Amino acid sequence: MYIAMNRFRIGAGHDEAFLERWRNRNSKLNEVPGFQRFWLLRAEGQFVSMSQWESRAAFEAWTQSEAFRVAHSSSGPPPSGMYIAAPELTTYEVELSLER
């Protein structure tokens, strides 16, 4: 299993607009082989998009796909001041997992 997390630091007053962009984007994830699950996490002043993949290869194939290009262009450019910094991508190989 492979996890990809993008951390977004959002400017003051832009939380709802940021959420609306995610709610309305044409993600295409359900059409991508190897995709398993997605979460959008919220903390003070930041959001994290977290996706679960069956493998690193599946995630990397997604990043090179037409579906990826569509998903990342479907909401248009962000409003000025929405992002404090560029998103930060971190990826993980899952070594241990526990489910109920």
PDB file of N, CA and C in Angstrom:
ATOM      1  N   MET A   1       0.851  -1.172   0.000  1.00  0.00           N
ATOM      2  CA  MET A   1       0.000   0.000   0.000  1.00  0.00           C
ATOM      3  C   MET A   1       0.899   1.238   0.000  1.00  0.00           C
ATOM      4  N   TYR A   2       0.423   2.304  -0.616  1.00  0.00           N
ATOM      5  CA  TYR A   2       1.194   3.537  -0.774  1.00  0.00           C
ATOM      6  C   TYR A   2       0.286   4.719  -0.448  1.00  0.00           C
ATOM      7  N   ILE A   3       0.818   5.679   0.304  1.00  0.00           N
ATOM      8  CA  ILE A   3       0.057   6.859   0.710  1.00  0.00           C
ATOM      9  C   ILE A   3       0.742   8.108   0.158  1.00  0.00           C
ATOM     10  N   ALA A   4      -0.038   8.995  -0.436  1.00  0.00           N
ATOM     11  CA  ALA A   4       0.463  10.289  -0.899  1.00  0.00           C
ATOM     12  C   ALA A   4      -0.284  11.387  -0.154  1.00  0.00           C
ATOM     13  N   MET A   5       0.479  12.313   0.432  1.00  0.00           N
ATOM     14  CA  MET A   5      -0.125  13.406   1.196  1.00  0.00           C
ATOM     15  C   MET A   5       0.424  14.739   0.690  1.00  0.00           C
ATOM     16  N   ASN A   6      -0.485  15.655   0.389  1.00  0.00           N
ATOM     17  CA  ASN A   6      -0.130  17.015  -0.006  1.00  0.00           C
ATOM     18  C   ASN A   6      -0.606  17.962   1.075  1.00  0.00           C
ATOM     19  N   ARG A   7       0.320  18.732   1.644  1.00  0.00           N
ATOM     20  CA  ARG A   7      -0.051  19.709   2.679  1.00  0.00           C
ATOM     21  C   ARG A   7      -0.209  21.074   2.029  1.00  0.00           C
ATOM     22  N   PHE A   8      -1.348  21.713   2.314  1.00  0.00           N
ATOM     23  CA  PHE A   8      -1.674  23.034   1.780  1.00  0.00           C
ATOM     24  C   PHE A   8      -1.780  24.020   2.939  1.00  0.00           C
ATOM     25  N   ARG A   9      -0.982  25.066   2.918  1.00  0.00           N
ATOM     26  CA  ARG A   9      -1.097  26.132   3.906  1.00  0.00           C
ATOM     27  C   ARG A   9      -1.931  27.242   3.266  1.00  0.00           C
ATOM     28  N   ILE A  10      -3.056  27.561   3.895  1.00  0.00           N
ATOM     29  CA  ILE A  10      -4.079  28.430   3.322  1.00  0.00           C
ATOM     30  C   ILE A  10      -4.078  29.790   4.015  1.00  0.00           C
ATOM     31  N   GLY A  11      -4.223  30.838   3.216  1.00  0.00           N
ATOM     32  CA  GLY A  11      -4.299  32.189   3.749  1.00  0.00           C
ATOM     33  C   GLY A  11      -5.570  32.407   4.563  1.00  0.00           C
ATOM     34  N   ALA A  12      -5.490  33.310   5.517  1.00  0.00           N
ATOM     35  CA  ALA A  12      -6.635  33.627   6.385  1.00  0.00           C
ATOM     36  C   ALA A  12      -7.857  33.997   5.550  1.00  0.00           C
ATOM     37  N   GLY A  13      -8.998  33.422   5.917  1.00  0.00           N
ATOM     38  CA  GLY A  13     -10.248  33.733   5.245  1.00  0.00           C
ATOM     39  C   GLY A  13     -10.507  32.938   3.972  1.00  0.00           C
ATOM     40  N   HIS A  14      -9.611  32.028   3.605  1.00  0.00           N
ATOM     41  CA  HIS A  14      -9.757  31.270   2.354  1.00  0.00           C
ATOM     42  C   HIS A  14     -10.180  29.814   2.557  1.00  0.00           C
ATOM     43  N   ASP A  15     -10.420  29.393   3.800  1.00  0.00           N
ATOM     44  CA  ASP A  15     -10.750  27.991   4.052  1.00  0.00           C
ATOM     45  C   ASP A  15     -11.961  27.508   3.262  1.00  0.00           C
ATOM     46  N   GLU A  16     -13.045  28.238   3.310  1.00  0.00           N
ATOM     47  CA  GLU A  16     -14.275  27.798   2.637  1.00  0.00           C
ATOM     48  C   GLU A  16     -14.114  27.776   1.123  1.00  0.00           C
ATOM     49  N   ALA A  17     -13.422  28.765   0.562  1.00  0.00           N
ATOM     50  CA  ALA A  17     -13.181  28.780  -0.886  1.00  0.00           C
ATOM     51  C   ALA A  17     -12.302  27.597  -1.291  1.00  0.00           C
ATOM     52  N   PHE A  18     -11.309  27.266  -0.461  1.00  0.00           N
ATOM     53  CA  PHE A  18     -10.452  26.121  -0.723  1.00  0.00           C
ATOM     54  C   PHE A  18     -11.284  24.839  -0.721  1.00  0.00           C
ATOM     55  N   LEU A  19     -12.117  24.669   0.300  1.00  0.00           N
ATOM     56  CA  LEU A  19     -12.983  23.489   0.373  1.00  0.00           C
ATOM     57  C   LEU A  19     -13.915  23.398  -0.834  1.00  0.00           C
ATOM     58  N   GLU A  20     -14.461  24.512  -1.239  1.00  0.00           N
ATOM     59  CA  GLU A  20     -15.380  24.524  -2.387  1.00  0.00           C
ATOM     60  C   GLU A  20     -14.664  24.083  -3.660  1.00  0.00           C
ATOM     61  N   ARG A  21     -13.421  24.488  -3.843  1.00  0.00           N
ATOM     62  CA  ARG A  21     -12.640  24.052  -5.010  1.00  0.00           C
ATOM     63  C   ARG A  21     -12.511  22.525  -5.015  1.00  0.00           C
ATOM     64  N   TRP A  22     -12.262  21.935  -3.844  1.00  0.00           N
ATOM     65  CA  TRP A  22     -12.115  20.486  -3.751  1.00  0.00           C
ATOM     66  C   TRP A  22     -13.446  19.784  -3.948  1.00  0.00           C
ATOM     67  N   ARG A  23     -14.502  20.343  -3.418  1.00  0.00           N
ATOM     68  CA  ARG A  23     -15.832  19.720  -3.586  1.00  0.00           C
ATOM     69  C   ARG A  23     -16.258  19.687  -5.052  1.00  0.00           C
ATOM     70  N   ASN A  24     -15.867  20.695  -5.804  1.00  0.00           N
ATOM     71  CA  ASN A  24     -16.325  20.842  -7.187  1.00  0.00           C
ATOM     72  C   ASN A  24     -15.340  20.347  -8.240  1.00  0.00           C
ATOM     73  N   ARG A  25     -14.166  19.897  -7.828  1.00  0.00           N
ATOM     74  CA  ARG A  25     -13.190  19.492  -8.844  1.00  0.00           C
ATOM     75  C   ARG A  25     -13.540  18.136  -9.431  1.00  0.00           C
ATOM     76  N   ASN A  26     -13.153  17.939 -10.650  1.00  0.00           N
ATOM     77  CA  ASN A  26     -13.393  16.695 -11.373  1.00  0.00           C
ATOM     78  C   ASN A  26     -12.183  15.790 -11.139  1.00  0.00           C
ATOM     79  N   SER A  27     -12.148  15.092 -10.000  1.00  0.00           N
ATOM     80  CA  SER A  27     -10.926  14.421  -9.559  1.00  0.00           C
ATOM     81  C   SER A  27     -10.507  13.250 -10.443  1.00  0.00           C
ATOM     82  N   LYS A  28     -11.448  12.523 -11.009  1.00  0.00           N
ATOM     83  CA  LYS A  28     -11.160  11.362 -11.857  1.00  0.00           C
ATOM     84  C   LYS A  28     -10.534  10.196 -11.101  1.00  0.00           C
ATOM     85  N   LEU A  29     -10.339  10.309  -9.785  1.00  0.00           N
ATOM     86  CA  LEU A  29      -9.645   9.256  -9.044  1.00  0.00           C
ATOM     87  C   LEU A  29     -10.332   7.903  -9.157  1.00  0.00           C
ATOM     88  N   ASN A  30     -11.651   7.885  -9.140  1.00  0.00           N
ATOM     89  CA  ASN A  30     -12.360   6.603  -9.216  1.00  0.00           C
ATOM     90  C   ASN A  30     -12.161   5.879 -10.542  1.00  0.00           C
ATOM     91  N   GLU A  31     -11.605   6.568 -11.518  1.00  0.00           N
ATOM     92  CA  GLU A  31     -11.359   5.960 -12.826  1.00  0.00           C
ATOM     93  C   GLU A  31      -9.934   5.438 -12.970  1.00  0.00           C
ATOM     94  N   VAL A  32      -9.096   5.653 -11.969  1.00  0.00           N
ATOM     95  CA  VAL A  32      -7.670   5.363 -12.075  1.00  0.00           C
ATOM     96  C   VAL A  32      -7.344   4.001 -11.465  1.00  0.00           C
ATOM     97  N   PRO A  33      -6.700   3.123 -12.230  1.00  0.00           N
ATOM     98  CA  PRO A  33      -6.305   1.819 -11.674  1.00  0.00           C
ATOM     99  C   PRO A  33      -5.384   2.000 -10.464  1.00  0.00           C
ATOM    100  N   GLY A  34      -5.646   1.229  -9.428  1.00  0.00           N
ATOM    101  CA  GLY A  34      -4.803   1.251  -8.247  1.00  0.00           C
ATOM    102  C   GLY A  34      -5.218   2.231  -7.171  1.00  0.00           C
ATOM    103  N   PHE A  35      -6.135   3.151  -7.491  1.00  0.00           N
ATOM    104  CA  PHE A  35      -6.619   4.088  -6.476  1.00  0.00           C
ATOM    105  C   PHE A  35      -7.519   3.337  -5.501  1.00  0.00           C
ATOM    106  N   GLN A  36      -7.361   3.649  -4.186  1.00  0.00           N
ATOM    107  CA  GLN A  36      -8.176   2.979  -3.176  1.00  0.00           C
ATOM    108  C   GLN A  36      -9.032   3.918  -2.338  1.00  0.00           C
ATOM    109  N   ARG A  37      -8.481   5.042  -1.900  1.00  0.00           N
ATOM    110  CA  ARG A  37      -9.228   5.898  -0.969  1.00  0.00           C
ATOM    111  C   ARG A  37      -8.644   7.305  -0.977  1.00  0.00           C
ATOM    112  N   PHE A  38      -9.505   8.288  -0.652  1.00  0.00           N
ATOM    113  CA  PHE A  38      -9.077   9.689  -0.564  1.00  0.00           C
ATOM    114  C   PHE A  38      -9.683  10.335   0.676  1.00  0.00           C
ATOM    115  N   TRP A  39      -8.905  11.203   1.329  1.00  0.00           N
ATOM    116  CA  TRP A  39      -9.377  12.033   2.425  1.00  0.00           C
ATOM    117  C   TRP A  39      -8.873  13.450   2.206  1.00  0.00           C
ATOM    118  N   LEU A  40      -9.658  14.431   2.636  1.00  0.00           N
ATOM    119  CA  LEU A  40      -9.176  15.809   2.745  1.00  0.00           C
ATOM    120  C   LEU A  40      -9.254  16.143   4.231  1.00  0.00           C
ATOM    121  N   LEU A  41      -8.103  16.330   4.847  1.00  0.00           N
ATOM    122  CA  LEU A  41      -7.997  16.562   6.283  1.00  0.00           C
ATOM    123  C   LEU A  41      -7.821  18.049   6.547  1.00  0.00           C
ATOM    124  N   ARG A  42      -8.374  18.515   7.668  1.00  0.00           N
ATOM    125  CA  ARG A  42      -8.312  19.933   8.006  1.00  0.00           C
ATOM    126  C   ARG A  42      -7.719  20.101   9.405  1.00  0.00           C
ATOM    127  N   ALA A  43      -6.782  21.028   9.526  1.00  0.00           N
ATOM    128  CA  ALA A  43      -6.214  21.432  10.809  1.00  0.00           C
ATOM    129  C   ALA A  43      -6.126  22.960  10.785  1.00  0.00           C
ATOM    130  N   GLU A  44      -5.685  23.548  11.854  1.00  0.00           N
ATOM    131  CA  GLU A  44      -5.609  25.008  11.910  1.00  0.00           C
ATOM    132  C   GLU A  44      -4.664  25.552  10.844  1.00  0.00           C
ATOM    133  N   GLY A  45      -5.228  26.329   9.914  1.00  0.00           N
ATOM    134  CA  GLY A  45      -4.422  26.980   8.889  1.00  0.00           C
ATOM    135  C   GLY A  45      -3.888  26.092   7.791  1.00  0.00           C
ATOM    136  N   GLN A  46      -4.305  24.842   7.776  1.00  0.00           N
ATOM    137  CA  GLN A  46      -3.821  23.968   6.714  1.00  0.00           C
ATOM    138  C   GLN A  46      -4.802  22.842   6.411  1.00  0.00           C
ATOM    139  N   PHE A  47      -4.640  22.291   5.238  1.00  0.00           N
ATOM    140  CA  PHE A  47      -5.374  21.110   4.802  1.00  0.00           C
ATOM    141  C   PHE A  47      -4.354  20.108   4.289  1.00  0.00           C
ATOM    142  N   VAL A  48      -4.721  18.832   4.344  1.00  0.00           N
ATOM    143  CA  VAL A  48      -3.892  17.777   3.777  1.00  0.00           C
ATOM    144  C   VAL A  48      -4.778  16.897   2.919  1.00  0.00           C
ATOM    145  N   SER A  49      -4.408  16.737   1.649  1.00  0.00           N
ATOM    146  CA  SER A  49      -5.085  15.750   0.817  1.00  0.00           C
ATOM    147  C   SER A  49      -4.297  14.455   0.970  1.00  0.00           C
ATOM    148  N   MET A  50      -5.011  13.379   1.219  1.00  0.00           N
ATOM    149  CA  MET A  50      -4.360  12.092   1.471  1.00  0.00           C
ATOM    150  C   MET A  50      -5.017  11.045   0.589  1.00  0.00           C
ATOM    151  N   SER A  51      -4.221  10.388  -0.217  1.00  0.00           N
ATOM    152  CA  SER A  51      -4.754   9.339  -1.084  1.00  0.00           C
ATOM    153  C   SER A  51      -4.027   8.035  -0.824  1.00  0.00           C
ATOM    154  N   GLN A  52      -4.776   6.955  -0.926  1.00  0.00           N
ATOM    155  CA  GLN A  52      -4.247   5.609  -0.703  1.00  0.00           C
ATOM    156  C   GLN A  52      -4.259   4.870  -2.038  1.00  0.00           C
ATOM    157  N   TRP A  53      -3.154   4.200  -2.325  1.00  0.00           N
ATOM    158  CA  TRP A  53      -2.950   3.497  -3.593  1.00  0.00           C
ATOM    159  C   TRP A  53      -2.510   2.066  -3.330  1.00  0.00           C
ATOM    160  N   GLU A  54      -2.764   1.187  -4.265  1.00  0.00           N
ATOM    161  CA  GLU A  54      -2.331  -0.196  -4.072  1.00  0.00           C
ATOM    162  C   GLU A  54      -0.812  -0.329  -4.155  1.00  0.00           C
ATOM    163  N   SER A  55      -0.147   0.622  -4.846  1.00  0.00           N
ATOM    164  CA  SER A  55       1.311   0.553  -4.983  1.00  0.00           C
ATOM    165  C   SER A  55       1.869   1.917  -5.390  1.00  0.00           C
ATOM    166  N   ARG A  56       3.160   2.056  -5.230  1.00  0.00           N
ATOM    167  CA  ARG A  56       3.842   3.268  -5.687  1.00  0.00           C
ATOM    168  C   ARG A  56       3.682   3.415  -7.205  1.00  0.00           C
ATOM    169  N   ALA A  57       3.797   2.310  -7.916  1.00  0.00           N
ATOM    170  CA  ALA A  57       3.658   2.348  -9.377  1.00  0.00           C
ATOM    171  C   ALA A  57       2.290   2.890  -9.792  1.00  0.00           C
ATOM    172  N   ALA A  58       1.227   2.502  -9.079  1.00  0.00           N
ATOM    173  CA  ALA A  58      -0.123   2.993  -9.395  1.00  0.00           C
ATOM    174  C   ALA A  58      -0.203   4.499  -9.177  1.00  0.00           C
ATOM    175  N   PHE A  59       0.362   4.988  -8.066  1.00  0.00           N
ATOM    176  CA  PHE A  59       0.372   6.430  -7.807  1.00  0.00           C
ATOM    177  C   PHE A  59       1.153   7.167  -8.893  1.00  0.00           C
ATOM    178  N   GLU A  60       2.335   6.666  -9.220  1.00  0.00           N
ATOM    179  CA  GLU A  60       3.156   7.329 -10.239  1.00  0.00           C
ATOM    180  C   GLU A  60       2.478   7.327 -11.603  1.00  0.00           C
ATOM    181  N   ALA A  61       1.776   6.247 -11.931  1.00  0.00           N
ATOM    182  CA  ALA A  61       1.025   6.209 -13.194  1.00  0.00           C
ATOM    183  C   ALA A  61      -0.062   7.279 -13.198  1.00  0.00           C
ATOM    184  N   TRP A  62      -0.736   7.461 -12.068  1.00  0.00           N
ATOM    185  CA  TRP A  62      -1.753   8.521 -11.938  1.00  0.00           C
ATOM    186  C   TRP A  62      -1.142   9.897 -12.228  1.00  0.00           C
ATOM    187  N   THR A  63       0.037  10.160 -11.680  1.00  0.00           N
ATOM    188  CA  THR A  63       0.646  11.486 -11.855  1.00  0.00           C
ATOM    189  C   THR A  63       1.054  11.762 -13.297  1.00  0.00           C
ATOM    190  N   GLN A  64       1.156  10.720 -14.113  1.00  0.00           N
ATOM    191  CA  GLN A  64       1.520  10.871 -15.523  1.00  0.00           C
ATOM    192  C   GLN A  64       0.322  10.769 -16.466  1.00  0.00           C
ATOM    193  N   SER A  65      -0.875  10.624 -15.888  1.00  0.00           N
ATOM    194  CA  SER A  65      -2.059  10.333 -16.701  1.00  0.00           C
ATOM    195  C   SER A  65      -2.806  11.591 -17.148  1.00  0.00           C
ATOM    196  N   GLU A  66      -3.634  11.391 -18.154  1.00  0.00           N
ATOM    197  CA  GLU A  66      -4.537  12.452 -18.606  1.00  0.00           C
ATOM    198  C   GLU A  66      -5.541  12.799 -17.509  1.00  0.00           C
ATOM    199  N   ALA A  67      -5.984  11.803 -16.754  1.00  0.00           N
ATOM    200  CA  ALA A  67      -6.913  12.050 -15.646  1.00  0.00           C
ATOM    201  C   ALA A  67      -6.295  13.011 -14.628  1.00  0.00           C
ATOM    202  N   PHE A  68      -5.017  12.870 -14.343  1.00  0.00           N
ATOM    203  CA  PHE A  68      -4.312  13.770 -13.422  1.00  0.00           C
ATOM    204  C   PHE A  68      -4.335  15.200 -13.965  1.00  0.00           C
ATOM    205  N   ARG A  69      -4.029  15.350 -15.255  1.00  0.00           N
ATOM    206  CA  ARG A  69      -4.022  16.696 -15.867  1.00  0.00           C
ATOM    207  C   ARG A  69      -5.415  17.328 -15.800  1.00  0.00           C
ATOM    208  N   VAL A  70      -6.442  16.549 -16.072  1.00  0.00           N
ATOM    209  CA  VAL A  70      -7.817  17.066 -16.006  1.00  0.00           C
ATOM    210  C   VAL A  70      -8.154  17.483 -14.572  1.00  0.00           C
ATOM    211  N   ALA A  71      -7.855  16.618 -13.604  1.00  0.00           N
ATOM    212  CA  ALA A  71      -8.183  16.900 -12.205  1.00  0.00           C
ATOM    213  C   ALA A  71      -7.493  18.160 -11.701  1.00  0.00           C
ATOM    214  N   HIS A  72      -6.267  18.381 -12.142  1.00  0.00           N
ATOM    215  CA  HIS A  72      -5.506  19.512 -11.628  1.00  0.00           C
ATOM    216  C   HIS A  72      -5.709  20.797 -12.426  1.00  0.00           C
ATOM    217  N   SER A  73      -6.501  20.728 -13.475  1.00  0.00           N
ATOM    218  CA  SER A  73      -6.805  21.948 -14.223  1.00  0.00           C
ATOM    219  C   SER A  73      -8.286  22.300 -14.172  1.00  0.00           C
ATOM    220  N   SER A  74      -9.111  21.407 -13.609  1.00  0.00           N
ATOM    221  CA  SER A  74     -10.565  21.574 -13.677  1.00  0.00           C
ATOM    222  C   SER A  74     -11.095  22.724 -12.842  1.00  0.00           C
ATOM    223  N   SER A  75     -10.376  23.147 -11.801  1.00  0.00           N
ATOM    224  CA  SER A  75     -10.908  24.218 -10.949  1.00  0.00           C
ATOM    225  C   SER A  75     -10.317  25.586 -11.275  1.00  0.00           C
ATOM    226  N   GLY A  76      -9.432  25.658 -12.245  1.00  0.00           N
ATOM    227  CA  GLY A  76      -8.848  26.939 -12.639  1.00  0.00           C
ATOM    228  C   GLY A  76      -7.841  27.446 -11.621  1.00  0.00           C
ATOM    229  N   PRO A  77      -7.273  28.613 -11.902  1.00  0.00           N
ATOM    230  CA  PRO A  77      -6.266  29.155 -10.989  1.00  0.00           C
ATOM    231  C   PRO A  77      -6.880  29.564  -9.652  1.00  0.00           C
ATOM    232  N   PRO A  78      -6.122  29.425  -8.569  1.00  0.00           N
ATOM    233  CA  PRO A  78      -6.649  29.806  -7.249  1.00  0.00           C
ATOM    234  C   PRO A  78      -6.732  31.317  -7.103  1.00  0.00           C
ATOM    235  N   PRO A  79      -7.641  31.796  -6.263  1.00  0.00           N
ATOM    236  CA  PRO A  79      -7.711  33.235  -5.999  1.00  0.00           C
ATOM    237  C   PRO A  79      -6.415  33.724  -5.344  1.00  0.00           C
ATOM    238  N   SER A  80      -6.089  34.946  -5.583  1.00  0.00           N
ATOM    239  CA  SER A  80      -4.897  35.546  -4.983  1.00  0.00           C
ATOM    240  C   SER A  80      -4.976  35.457  -3.462  1.00  0.00           C
ATOM    241  N   GLY A  81      -3.879  35.030  -2.830  1.00  0.00           N
ATOM    242  CA  GLY A  81      -3.810  34.944  -1.383  1.00  0.00           C
ATOM    243  C   GLY A  81      -4.320  33.650  -0.789  1.00  0.00           C
ATOM    244  N   MET A  82      -4.845  32.745  -1.627  1.00  0.00           N
ATOM    245  CA  MET A  82      -5.370  31.493  -1.089  1.00  0.00           C
ATOM    246  C   MET A  82      -4.253  30.644  -0.476  1.00  0.00           C
ATOM    247  N   TYR A  83      -3.117  30.555  -1.161  1.00  0.00           N
ATOM    248  CA  TYR A  83      -2.022  29.728  -0.683  1.00  0.00           C
ATOM    249  C   TYR A  83      -0.924  30.581  -0.067  1.00  0.00           C
ATOM    250  N   ILE A  84      -0.487  30.188   1.131  1.00  0.00           N
ATOM    251  CA  ILE A  84       0.641  30.851   1.779  1.00  0.00           C
ATOM    252  C   ILE A  84       1.944  30.368   1.158  1.00  0.00           C
ATOM    253  N   ALA A  85       1.974  29.100   0.763  1.00  0.00           N
ATOM    254  CA  ALA A  85       3.152  28.481   0.154  1.00  0.00           C
ATOM    255  C   ALA A  85       2.685  27.418  -0.823  1.00  0.00           C
ATOM    256  N   ALA A  86       3.598  26.937  -1.640  1.00  0.00           N
ATOM    257  CA  ALA A  86       3.276  25.849  -2.560  1.00  0.00           C
ATOM    258  C   ALA A  86       2.941  24.590  -1.767  1.00  0.00           C
ATOM    259  N   PRO A  87       2.057  23.731  -2.285  1.00  0.00           N
ATOM    260  CA  PRO A  87       1.750  22.477  -1.600  1.00  0.00           C
ATOM    261  C   PRO A  87       3.018  21.640  -1.412  1.00  0.00           C
ATOM    262  N   GLU A  88       3.049  20.885  -0.322  1.00  0.00           N
ATOM    263  CA  GLU A  88       4.194  20.030  -0.010  1.00  0.00           C
ATOM    264  C   GLU A  88       3.769  18.572  -0.089  1.00  0.00           C
ATOM    265  N   LEU A  89       4.336  17.836  -1.038  1.00  0.00           N
ATOM    266  CA  LEU A  89       4.014  16.423  -1.226  1.00  0.00           C
ATOM    267  C   LEU A  89       4.958  15.548  -0.401  1.00  0.00           C
ATOM    268  N   THR A  90       4.370  14.597   0.319  1.00  0.00           N
ATOM    269  CA  THR A  90       5.128  13.565   1.021  1.00  0.00           C
ATOM    270  C   THR A  90       4.465  12.235   0.705  1.00  0.00           C
ATOM    271  N   THR A  91       5.268  11.224   0.410  1.00  0.00           N
ATOM    272  CA  THR A  91       4.722   9.905   0.098  1.00  0.00           C
ATOM    273  C   THR A  91       5.297   8.872   1.064  1.00  0.00           C
ATOM    274  N   TYR A  92       4.526   7.805   1.268  1.00  0.00           N
ATOM    275  CA  TYR A  92       4.887   6.791   2.247  1.00  0.00           C
ATOM    276  C   TYR A  92       4.573   5.396   1.728  1.00  0.00           C
ATOM    277  N   GLU A  93       5.453   4.460   1.976  1.00  0.00           N
ATOM    278  CA  GLU A  93       5.163   3.039   1.829  1.00  0.00           C
ATOM    279  C   GLU A  93       4.569   2.594   3.166  1.00  0.00           C
ATOM    280  N   VAL A  94       3.450   1.909   3.152  1.00  0.00           N
ATOM    281  CA  VAL A  94       2.830   1.439   4.386  1.00  0.00           C
ATOM    282  C   VAL A  94       3.542   0.158   4.815  1.00  0.00           C
ATOM    283  N   GLU A  95       4.097   0.192   6.005  1.00  0.00           N
ATOM    284  CA  GLU A  95       4.813  -0.954   6.563  1.00  0.00           C
ATOM    285  C   GLU A  95       3.938  -1.763   7.518  1.00  0.00           C
ATOM    286  N   LEU A  96       3.087  -1.087   8.261  1.00  0.00           N
ATOM    287  CA  LEU A  96       2.159  -1.743   9.189  1.00  0.00           C
ATOM    288  C   LEU A  96       0.806  -1.076   9.073  1.00  0.00           C
ATOM    289  N   SER A  97      -0.246  -1.841   9.223  1.00  0.00           N
ATOM    290  CA  SER A  97      -1.602  -1.309   9.178  1.00  0.00           C
ATOM    291  C   SER A  97      -2.472  -2.109  10.136  1.00  0.00           C
ATOM    292  N   LEU A  98      -3.425  -1.426  10.756  1.00  0.00           N
ATOM    293  CA  LEU A  98      -4.363  -2.083  11.656  1.00  0.00           C
ATOM    294  C   LEU A  98      -5.753  -1.548  11.365  1.00  0.00           C
ATOM    295  N   GLU A  99      -6.681  -2.434  11.192  1.00  0.00           N
ATOM    296  CA  GLU A  99      -8.071  -2.047  10.955  1.00  0.00           C
ATOM    297  C   GLU A  99      -8.962  -2.808  11.907  1.00  0.00           C
ATOM    298  N   ARG A 100     -10.059  -2.216  12.197  1.00  0.00           N
ATOM    299  CA  ARG A 100     -11.027  -2.874  13.064  1.00  0.00           C
ATOM    300  C   ARG A 100     -12.002  -3.676  12.247  1.00  0.00           C
TER     301      ARG A 100
END
